Amino acid sequence: MPVSTITTLQGETWDMLAYRLWGVETLFHHLVEANRAHQRTLIFPAGVVLTVPVIARITTPVEVPPWQR
């Protein structure tokens, strides 16, 4: 299985990367777990290549307000 990666843009944070990848910033912990060498980084410089983990398909619960779906 090929490894997927993402290259950071100047000023990105973990939650911004998660939102760019999956549309949900709260999934950032999956990125941190897959990239332990960078776990202490808060704001990334441009050009850092990170491993993108495969995560289970995201489903939206019915009780979530429409603007969060």
C-alpha atoms as a PDB file:
ATOM      1  CA  MET A   1       0.000   0.000   0.000  1.00  0.00           C
ATOM      2  CA  PRO A   2       1.534   3.350  -1.021  1.00  0.00           C
ATOM      3  CA  VAL A   3       2.177   5.905   1.690  1.00  0.00           C
ATOM      4  CA  SER A   4       0.311   9.173   1.311  1.00  0.00           C
ATOM      5  CA  THR A   5       1.996  12.440   2.273  1.00  0.00           C
ATOM      6  CA  ILE A   6       1.149  16.114   2.607  1.00  0.00           C
ATOM      7  CA  THR A   7       3.562  19.023   2.313  1.00  0.00           C
ATOM      8  CA  THR A   8       3.014  21.896   4.697  1.00  0.00           C
ATOM      9  CA  LEU A   9       2.506  25.514   3.749  1.00  0.00           C
ATOM     10  CA  GLN A  10       4.110  28.322   5.767  1.00  0.00           C
ATOM     11  CA  GLY A  11       2.179  28.945   8.981  1.00  0.00           C
ATOM     12  CA  GLU A  12       0.011  25.816   8.941  1.00  0.00           C
ATOM     13  CA  THR A  13      -0.891  24.075  12.182  1.00  0.00           C
ATOM     14  CA  TRP A  14      -1.979  20.505  12.872  1.00  0.00           C
ATOM     15  CA  ASP A  15      -5.669  21.396  12.866  1.00  0.00           C
ATOM     16  CA  MET A  16      -5.341  23.346   9.616  1.00  0.00           C
ATOM     17  CA  LEU A  17      -3.692  20.343   7.974  1.00  0.00           C
ATOM     18  CA  ALA A  18      -6.441  18.022   9.215  1.00  0.00           C
ATOM     19  CA  TYR A  19      -9.075  20.379   7.819  1.00  0.00           C
ATOM     20  CA  ARG A  20      -7.253  20.545   4.468  1.00  0.00           C
ATOM     21  CA  LEU A  21      -7.099  16.740   4.311  1.00  0.00           C
ATOM     22  CA  TRP A  22     -10.416  15.622   5.764  1.00  0.00           C
ATOM     23  CA  GLY A  23     -12.555  18.729   6.186  1.00  0.00           C
ATOM     24  CA  VAL A  24     -12.597  18.253   9.975  1.00  0.00           C
ATOM     25  CA  GLU A  25      -9.965  19.951  12.110  1.00  0.00           C
ATOM     26  CA  THR A  26     -10.641  17.797  15.173  1.00  0.00           C
ATOM     27  CA  LEU A  27      -8.962  14.811  13.495  1.00  0.00           C
ATOM     28  CA  PHE A  28      -5.524  16.394  13.849  1.00  0.00           C
ATOM     29  CA  HIS A  29      -4.498  13.835  16.491  1.00  0.00           C
ATOM     30  CA  HIS A  30      -4.246  11.195  13.738  1.00  0.00           C
ATOM     31  CA  LEU A  31      -1.628  13.318  11.961  1.00  0.00           C
ATOM     32  CA  VAL A  32       0.335  13.913  15.152  1.00  0.00           C
ATOM     33  CA  GLU A  33       0.344  10.189  15.919  1.00  0.00           C
ATOM     34  CA  ALA A  34       1.626   9.362  12.421  1.00  0.00           C
ATOM     35  CA  ASN A  35       4.363  12.016  12.572  1.00  0.00           C
ATOM     36  CA  ARG A  36       5.875  11.733  16.034  1.00  0.00           C
ATOM     37  CA  ALA A  37       9.133  13.401  14.962  1.00  0.00           C
ATOM     38  CA  HIS A  38       7.148  16.645  14.553  1.00  0.00           C
ATOM     39  CA  GLN A  39       4.788  16.272  17.521  1.00  0.00           C
ATOM     40  CA  ARG A  40       6.239  19.310  19.317  1.00  0.00           C
ATOM     41  CA  THR A  41       5.798  21.563  16.271  1.00  0.00           C
ATOM     42  CA  LEU A  42       2.969  24.058  16.680  1.00  0.00           C
ATOM     43  CA  ILE A  43       3.365  26.140  13.516  1.00  0.00           C
ATOM     44  CA  PHE A  44       5.000  24.566  10.472  1.00  0.00           C
ATOM     45  CA  PRO A  45       7.386  26.172   8.024  1.00  0.00           C
ATOM     46  CA  ALA A  46       6.750  25.562   4.338  1.00  0.00           C
ATOM     47  CA  GLY A  47       7.918  22.294   2.826  1.00  0.00           C
ATOM     48  CA  VAL A  48       7.682  19.809   5.699  1.00  0.00           C
ATOM     49  CA  VAL A  49       6.537  16.452   4.322  1.00  0.00           C
ATOM     50  CA  LEU A  50       4.219  14.596   6.680  1.00  0.00           C
ATOM     51  CA  THR A  51       2.772  11.100   6.496  1.00  0.00           C
ATOM     52  CA  VAL A  52      -1.005  11.005   6.104  1.00  0.00           C
ATOM     53  CA  PRO A  53      -2.521   8.075   8.001  1.00  0.00           C
ATOM     54  CA  VAL A  54      -5.445   6.091   6.697  1.00  0.00           C
ATOM     55  CA  ILE A  55      -8.401   6.704   8.978  1.00  0.00           C
ATOM     56  CA  ALA A  56     -11.872   5.222   9.051  1.00  0.00           C
ATOM     57  CA  ARG A  57     -14.503   6.919   6.901  1.00  0.00           C
ATOM     58  CA  ILE A  58     -15.933   9.991   8.596  1.00  0.00           C
ATOM     59  CA  THR A  59     -19.675  10.013   9.180  1.00  0.00           C
ATOM     60  CA  THR A  60     -21.708  12.937  10.434  1.00  0.00           C
ATOM     61  CA  PRO A  61     -24.214  12.213  13.210  1.00  0.00           C
ATOM     62  CA  VAL A  62     -27.800  13.330  12.568  1.00  0.00           C
ATOM     63  CA  GLU A  63     -27.928  15.597  15.623  1.00  0.00           C
ATOM     64  CA  VAL A  64     -25.165  17.888  14.291  1.00  0.00           C
ATOM     65  CA  PRO A  65     -26.449  21.309  13.156  1.00  0.00           C
ATOM     66  CA  PRO A  66     -26.691  21.710   9.351  1.00  0.00           C
ATOM     67  CA  TRP A  67     -23.794  24.203   9.170  1.00  0.00           C
ATOM     68  CA  GLN A  68     -21.448  21.543  10.608  1.00  0.00           C
ATOM     69  CA  ARG A  69     -22.376  18.761   8.201  1.00  0.00           C
END
